[in-house]
Amino acid sequence: FDLLDNFIDDAGFMFENFIFNELKSGLQNSNIAINFWRTKSQAEVDFVIDFGGGVVPIEAKFKDFSKPKIEKSLQSFIKKYQPSKAFVVNRNLTEKFVYQNTEVNFITFYQINKIFLFT
């Protein structure tokens, strides 16, 4: 099972890398930087982009969701910075809901360009 676990870890890393490259491609003609967020206790948000109207956190999750659920690290980010929008890029779920006055958008990886339309 170690080989399967390694493949799943690698798939998650490759998915995150794919999302990074798509974001970078979408921002190539701008001076907007892609950052990440990590606390001292290791809570982490994969990507944070400042489009000028505030920051937008983006999580990349290489999994299928049956319902939208945001992890504690994204919850912490939302509580601290109160962004107007947040995104969870995943394999299958497209759904929107509000958490702490933030519109959380679950989008599939092939809808990644919609991030630039939402902001």
N, C-alpha and C. Protein backbone atom coordinates (compact mmCIF):
# COMPACT_ATOMS: atom_id res chain seq x y z
N PHE A 1 0.81 -1.20 0.00
CA PHE A 1 0.00 0.00 0.00
C PHE A 1 0.85 1.27 0.00
N ASP A 2 2.12 1.17 0.34
CA ASP A 2 2.97 2.36 0.33
C ASP A 2 3.05 2.97 -1.06
N LEU A 3 3.12 2.14 -2.08
CA LEU A 3 3.19 2.64 -3.45
C LEU A 3 1.92 3.41 -3.80
N LEU A 4 0.77 2.88 -3.43
CA LEU A 4 -0.50 3.54 -3.69
C LEU A 4 -0.58 4.86 -2.92
N ASP A 5 -0.15 4.87 -1.67
CA ASP A 5 -0.14 6.10 -0.88
C ASP A 5 0.76 7.15 -1.53
N ASN A 6 1.93 6.72 -2.01
CA ASN A 6 2.85 7.65 -2.67
C ASN A 6 2.23 8.21 -3.94
N PHE A 7 1.54 7.37 -4.71
CA PHE A 7 0.88 7.83 -5.93
C PHE A 7 -0.18 8.87 -5.61
N ILE A 8 -0.98 8.62 -4.58
CA ILE A 8 -2.03 9.56 -4.21
C ILE A 8 -1.42 10.89 -3.76
N ASP A 9 -0.34 10.83 -2.96
CA ASP A 9 0.35 12.05 -2.55
C ASP A 9 0.90 12.78 -3.77
N ASP A 10 1.51 12.05 -4.70
CA ASP A 10 2.04 12.66 -5.92
C ASP A 10 0.94 13.25 -6.76
N ALA A 11 -0.21 12.58 -6.85
CA ALA A 11 -1.33 13.09 -7.64
C ALA A 11 -1.82 14.41 -7.05
N GLY A 12 -1.89 14.49 -5.74
CA GLY A 12 -2.29 15.74 -5.09
C GLY A 12 -1.31 16.86 -5.37
N PHE A 13 -0.02 16.54 -5.31
CA PHE A 13 1.01 17.53 -5.62
C PHE A 13 0.92 17.97 -7.08
N MET A 14 0.74 17.01 -7.99
CA MET A 14 0.63 17.34 -9.41
C MET A 14 -0.61 18.19 -9.69
N PHE A 15 -1.71 17.88 -9.00
CA PHE A 15 -2.94 18.66 -9.16
C PHE A 15 -2.70 20.10 -8.70
N GLU A 16 -2.08 20.26 -7.55
CA GLU A 16 -1.78 21.59 -7.04
C GLU A 16 -0.86 22.35 -8.00
N ASN A 17 0.12 21.66 -8.55
CA ASN A 17 1.03 22.26 -9.52
C ASN A 17 0.29 22.68 -10.79
N PHE A 18 -0.64 21.84 -11.25
CA PHE A 18 -1.46 22.17 -12.41
C PHE A 18 -2.27 23.44 -12.15
N ILE A 19 -2.89 23.53 -11.00
CA ILE A 19 -3.69 24.70 -10.64
C ILE A 19 -2.80 25.94 -10.60
N PHE A 20 -1.62 25.82 -9.99
CA PHE A 20 -0.67 26.94 -9.95
C PHE A 20 -0.35 27.42 -11.36
N ASN A 21 -0.03 26.48 -12.25
CA ASN A 21 0.33 26.85 -13.62
C ASN A 21 -0.83 27.52 -14.36
N GLU A 22 -2.05 27.05 -14.12
CA GLU A 22 -3.23 27.67 -14.74
C GLU A 22 -3.45 29.09 -14.21
N LEU A 23 -3.26 29.26 -12.91
CA LEU A 23 -3.39 30.60 -12.32
C LEU A 23 -2.31 31.53 -12.88
N LYS A 24 -1.10 31.02 -12.92
CA LYS A 24 0.03 31.80 -13.44
C LYS A 24 -0.21 32.20 -14.89
N SER A 25 -0.72 31.29 -15.68
CA SER A 25 -1.03 31.57 -17.08
C SER A 25 -2.10 32.65 -17.19
N GLY A 26 -3.10 32.59 -16.35
CA GLY A 26 -4.17 33.58 -16.38
C GLY A 26 -3.73 34.95 -15.92
N LEU A 27 -2.62 35.01 -15.19
CA LEU A 27 -2.12 36.28 -14.67
C LEU A 27 -0.88 36.78 -15.41
N GLN A 28 -0.51 36.11 -16.49
CA GLN A 28 0.77 36.38 -17.14
C GLN A 28 0.94 37.82 -17.64
N ASN A 29 -0.12 38.50 -17.97
CA ASN A 29 0.00 39.87 -18.46
C ASN A 29 -0.28 40.91 -17.38
N SER A 30 -0.09 40.52 -16.14
CA SER A 30 -0.33 41.45 -15.04
C SER A 30 0.84 41.40 -14.05
N ASN A 31 0.83 42.30 -13.13
CA ASN A 31 1.84 42.33 -12.07
C ASN A 31 1.34 41.67 -10.80
N ILE A 32 0.28 40.90 -10.90
CA ILE A 32 -0.33 40.25 -9.75
C ILE A 32 0.47 39.00 -9.40
N ALA A 33 0.81 38.86 -8.14
CA ALA A 33 1.59 37.72 -7.67
C ALA A 33 0.69 36.66 -7.04
N ILE A 34 1.14 35.42 -7.13
CA ILE A 34 0.46 34.31 -6.47
C ILE A 34 1.26 33.99 -5.22
N ASN A 35 0.60 34.05 -4.08
CA ASN A 35 1.25 33.77 -2.80
C ASN A 35 0.57 32.57 -2.14
N PHE A 36 1.06 32.20 -0.99
CA PHE A 36 0.39 31.19 -0.17
C PHE A 36 0.35 31.73 1.25
N TRP A 37 -0.40 31.06 2.09
CA TRP A 37 -0.56 31.52 3.48
C TRP A 37 -0.33 30.33 4.40
N ARG A 38 0.50 30.55 5.42
CA ARG A 38 0.76 29.49 6.41
C ARG A 38 0.93 30.14 7.77
N THR A 39 0.28 29.54 8.77
CA THR A 39 0.40 30.05 10.13
C THR A 39 1.55 29.33 10.84
N LYS A 40 1.88 29.82 12.03
CA LYS A 40 2.91 29.16 12.83
C LYS A 40 2.51 27.73 13.20
N SER A 41 1.20 27.50 13.29
CA SER A 41 0.72 26.15 13.62
C SER A 41 0.52 25.29 12.36
N GLN A 42 1.04 25.78 11.22
CA GLN A 42 1.06 25.05 9.95
C GLN A 42 -0.29 24.97 9.23
N ALA A 43 -1.27 25.77 9.63
CA ALA A 43 -2.49 25.88 8.82
C ALA A 43 -2.09 26.57 7.52
N GLU A 44 -2.60 26.09 6.40
CA GLU A 44 -2.12 26.57 5.12
C GLU A 44 -3.24 26.73 4.10
N VAL A 45 -3.15 27.78 3.29
CA VAL A 45 -4.00 27.96 2.12
C VAL A 45 -3.07 27.92 0.92
N ASP A 46 -3.43 27.11 -0.07
CA ASP A 46 -2.53 26.84 -1.21
C ASP A 46 -2.13 28.10 -1.97
N PHE A 47 -3.11 28.92 -2.33
CA PHE A 47 -2.82 30.12 -3.13
C PHE A 47 -3.62 31.30 -2.60
N VAL A 48 -2.99 32.46 -2.59
CA VAL A 48 -3.66 33.69 -2.21
C VAL A 48 -3.27 34.73 -3.27
N ILE A 49 -4.29 35.33 -3.88
CA ILE A 49 -4.06 36.32 -4.92
C ILE A 49 -4.74 37.62 -4.51
N ASP A 50 -4.01 38.72 -4.66
CA ASP A 50 -4.58 40.04 -4.40
C ASP A 50 -4.88 40.68 -5.75
N PHE A 51 -6.15 40.74 -6.11
CA PHE A 51 -6.56 41.31 -7.38
C PHE A 51 -6.76 42.82 -7.28
N GLY A 52 -6.42 43.41 -6.16
CA GLY A 52 -6.56 44.84 -5.99
C GLY A 52 -7.78 45.21 -5.16
N GLY A 53 -8.78 44.35 -5.16
CA GLY A 53 -9.98 44.61 -4.37
C GLY A 53 -10.01 43.74 -3.13
N GLY A 54 -8.88 43.27 -2.71
CA GLY A 54 -8.78 42.37 -1.56
C GLY A 54 -8.21 41.03 -1.99
N VAL A 55 -7.90 40.22 -1.03
CA VAL A 55 -7.27 38.93 -1.31
C VAL A 55 -8.33 37.86 -1.60
N VAL A 56 -7.92 36.89 -2.43
CA VAL A 56 -8.78 35.76 -2.77
C VAL A 56 -8.01 34.47 -2.46
N PRO A 57 -8.47 33.69 -1.47
CA PRO A 57 -7.82 32.41 -1.17
C PRO A 57 -8.34 31.33 -2.11
N ILE A 58 -7.42 30.45 -2.51
CA ILE A 58 -7.76 29.35 -3.42
C ILE A 58 -7.14 28.07 -2.88
N GLU A 59 -7.96 27.07 -2.66
CA GLU A 59 -7.49 25.76 -2.24
C GLU A 59 -7.60 24.80 -3.42
N ALA A 60 -6.61 23.95 -3.60
CA ALA A 60 -6.62 22.91 -4.63
C ALA A 60 -6.76 21.57 -3.92
N LYS A 61 -7.85 20.86 -4.20
CA LYS A 61 -8.13 19.58 -3.55
C LYS A 61 -8.34 18.50 -4.60
N PHE A 62 -7.41 17.58 -4.66
CA PHE A 62 -7.50 16.48 -5.62
C PHE A 62 -8.36 15.37 -5.03
N LYS A 63 -9.65 15.66 -4.97
CA LYS A 63 -10.58 14.65 -4.49
C LYS A 63 -11.98 14.98 -4.99
N ASP A 64 -12.84 14.00 -4.86
CA ASP A 64 -14.25 14.17 -5.20
C ASP A 64 -15.00 14.54 -3.93
N PHE A 65 -15.88 15.51 -4.04
CA PHE A 65 -16.70 15.94 -2.92
C PHE A 65 -18.14 15.50 -3.15
N SER A 66 -18.80 15.01 -2.11
CA SER A 66 -20.23 14.73 -2.20
C SER A 66 -21.03 15.94 -1.75
N LYS A 67 -20.40 16.78 -0.93
CA LYS A 67 -21.00 18.04 -0.50
C LYS A 67 -19.85 19.00 -0.19
N PRO A 68 -20.12 20.30 -0.23
CA PRO A 68 -19.04 21.25 0.04
C PRO A 68 -18.64 21.25 1.51
N LYS A 69 -17.36 21.20 1.73
CA LYS A 69 -16.83 21.23 3.10
C LYS A 69 -15.47 21.92 3.03
N ILE A 70 -15.32 22.99 3.79
CA ILE A 70 -14.02 23.67 3.80
C ILE A 70 -13.24 23.26 5.04
N GLU A 71 -11.96 23.09 4.84
CA GLU A 71 -11.10 22.65 5.93
C GLU A 71 -10.78 23.80 6.88
N LYS A 72 -10.27 23.44 8.05
CA LYS A 72 -10.03 24.42 9.11
C LYS A 72 -9.07 25.52 8.69
N SER A 73 -8.07 25.19 7.86
CA SER A 73 -7.12 26.22 7.45
C SER A 73 -7.80 27.31 6.63
N LEU A 74 -8.69 26.94 5.71
CA LEU A 74 -9.42 27.94 4.94
C LEU A 74 -10.40 28.69 5.83
N GLN A 75 -11.02 27.99 6.76
CA GLN A 75 -11.90 28.66 7.72
C GLN A 75 -11.13 29.73 8.50
N SER A 76 -9.93 29.39 8.95
CA SER A 76 -9.09 30.34 9.71
C SER A 76 -8.75 31.56 8.87
N PHE A 77 -8.39 31.32 7.62
CA PHE A 77 -8.05 32.42 6.72
C PHE A 77 -9.25 33.35 6.55
N ILE A 78 -10.41 32.77 6.30
CA ILE A 78 -11.63 33.56 6.10
C ILE A 78 -11.96 34.38 7.36
N LYS A 79 -11.83 33.77 8.52
CA LYS A 79 -12.11 34.49 9.77
C LYS A 79 -11.15 35.66 9.97
N LYS A 80 -9.88 35.45 9.61
CA LYS A 80 -8.87 36.48 9.84
C LYS A 80 -8.94 37.61 8.82
N TYR A 81 -9.09 37.28 7.53
CA TYR A 81 -8.98 38.29 6.48
C TYR A 81 -10.31 38.70 5.86
N GLN A 82 -11.36 37.97 6.10
CA GLN A 82 -12.71 38.27 5.62
C GLN A 82 -12.75 38.62 4.13
N PRO A 83 -12.24 37.73 3.27
CA PRO A 83 -12.32 38.01 1.83
C PRO A 83 -13.76 37.94 1.35
N SER A 84 -14.06 38.61 0.26
CA SER A 84 -15.43 38.56 -0.26
C SER A 84 -15.68 37.22 -0.97
N LYS A 85 -14.61 36.62 -1.53
CA LYS A 85 -14.74 35.34 -2.24
C LYS A 85 -13.59 34.41 -1.88
N ALA A 86 -13.87 33.12 -1.97
CA ALA A 86 -12.85 32.08 -1.80
C ALA A 86 -13.19 30.96 -2.78
N PHE A 87 -12.19 30.19 -3.17
CA PHE A 87 -12.40 29.11 -4.12
C PHE A 87 -11.78 27.81 -3.61
N VAL A 88 -12.48 26.71 -3.88
CA VAL A 88 -11.95 25.38 -3.66
C VAL A 88 -12.03 24.68 -5.01
N VAL A 89 -10.87 24.49 -5.63
CA VAL A 89 -10.80 23.83 -6.93
C VAL A 89 -10.67 22.34 -6.67
N ASN A 90 -11.56 21.56 -7.27
CA ASN A 90 -11.61 20.13 -7.00
C ASN A 90 -11.93 19.35 -8.27
N ARG A 91 -12.16 18.06 -8.12
CA ARG A 91 -12.39 17.20 -9.29
C ARG A 91 -13.82 17.16 -9.78
N ASN A 92 -14.82 17.41 -8.92
CA ASN A 92 -16.18 17.13 -9.37
C ASN A 92 -17.28 18.09 -8.95
N LEU A 93 -17.10 18.86 -7.91
CA LEU A 93 -18.22 19.60 -7.34
C LEU A 93 -18.22 21.07 -7.78
N THR A 94 -19.39 21.52 -8.22
CA THR A 94 -19.61 22.92 -8.53
C THR A 94 -20.76 23.38 -7.65
N GLU A 95 -20.43 24.21 -6.69
CA GLU A 95 -21.44 24.67 -5.75
C GLU A 95 -20.95 25.95 -5.08
N LYS A 96 -21.88 26.73 -4.58
CA LYS A 96 -21.54 27.99 -3.94
C LYS A 96 -22.32 28.10 -2.63
N PHE A 97 -21.68 28.63 -1.59
CA PHE A 97 -22.37 28.91 -0.34
C PHE A 97 -21.62 30.03 0.38
N VAL A 98 -22.21 30.53 1.44
CA VAL A 98 -21.60 31.62 2.19
C VAL A 98 -21.13 31.10 3.54
N TYR A 99 -19.89 31.45 3.88
CA TYR A 99 -19.30 31.12 5.18
C TYR A 99 -18.71 32.40 5.74
N GLN A 100 -19.19 32.84 6.91
CA GLN A 100 -18.68 34.04 7.57
C GLN A 100 -18.69 35.25 6.61
N ASN A 101 -19.74 35.42 5.86
CA ASN A 101 -19.89 36.51 4.88
C ASN A 101 -18.96 36.40 3.67
N THR A 102 -18.31 35.27 3.48
CA THR A 102 -17.47 35.03 2.31
C THR A 102 -18.18 34.05 1.38
N GLU A 103 -18.26 34.41 0.11
CA GLU A 103 -18.83 33.51 -0.88
C GLU A 103 -17.77 32.45 -1.23
N VAL A 104 -18.04 31.21 -0.87
CA VAL A 104 -17.11 30.11 -1.13
C VAL A 104 -17.60 29.37 -2.37
N ASN A 105 -16.75 29.36 -3.40
CA ASN A 105 -17.09 28.74 -4.68
C ASN A 105 -16.31 27.44 -4.85
N PHE A 106 -17.01 26.34 -4.90
CA PHE A 106 -16.41 25.07 -5.27
C PHE A 106 -16.51 24.98 -6.79
N ILE A 107 -15.36 24.87 -7.46
CA ILE A 107 -15.35 24.75 -8.91
C ILE A 107 -14.47 23.58 -9.30
N THR A 108 -14.75 23.01 -10.44
CA THR A 108 -13.93 21.91 -10.93
C THR A 108 -12.67 22.47 -11.60
N PHE A 109 -11.67 21.64 -11.71
CA PHE A 109 -10.38 22.10 -12.23
C PHE A 109 -10.50 22.62 -13.66
N TYR A 110 -11.45 22.13 -14.44
CA TYR A 110 -11.57 22.61 -15.81
C TYR A 110 -12.35 23.92 -15.88
N GLN A 111 -12.78 24.43 -14.74
CA GLN A 111 -13.44 25.74 -14.67
C GLN A 111 -12.50 26.80 -14.07
N ILE A 112 -11.23 26.50 -13.98
CA ILE A 112 -10.28 27.37 -13.28
C ILE A 112 -10.29 28.80 -13.81
N ASN A 113 -10.54 28.99 -15.09
CA ASN A 113 -10.55 30.34 -15.64
C ASN A 113 -11.69 31.17 -15.09
N LYS A 114 -12.69 30.54 -14.49
CA LYS A 114 -13.80 31.29 -13.89
C LYS A 114 -13.34 32.12 -12.70
N ILE A 115 -12.23 31.75 -12.10
CA ILE A 115 -11.71 32.54 -10.98
C ILE A 115 -11.48 33.97 -11.43
N PHE A 116 -11.00 34.15 -12.64
CA PHE A 116 -10.70 35.49 -13.14
C PHE A 116 -11.98 36.24 -13.48
N LEU A 117 -13.07 35.52 -13.75
CA LEU A 117 -14.36 36.16 -14.02
C LEU A 117 -15.06 36.58 -12.73
N PHE A 118 -14.84 35.82 -11.67
CA PHE A 118 -15.51 36.08 -10.40
C PHE A 118 -14.93 37.27 -9.66
N THR A 119 -13.69 37.60 -9.93
CA THR A 119 -13.01 38.62 -9.14
C THR A 119 -13.23 40.02 -9.66
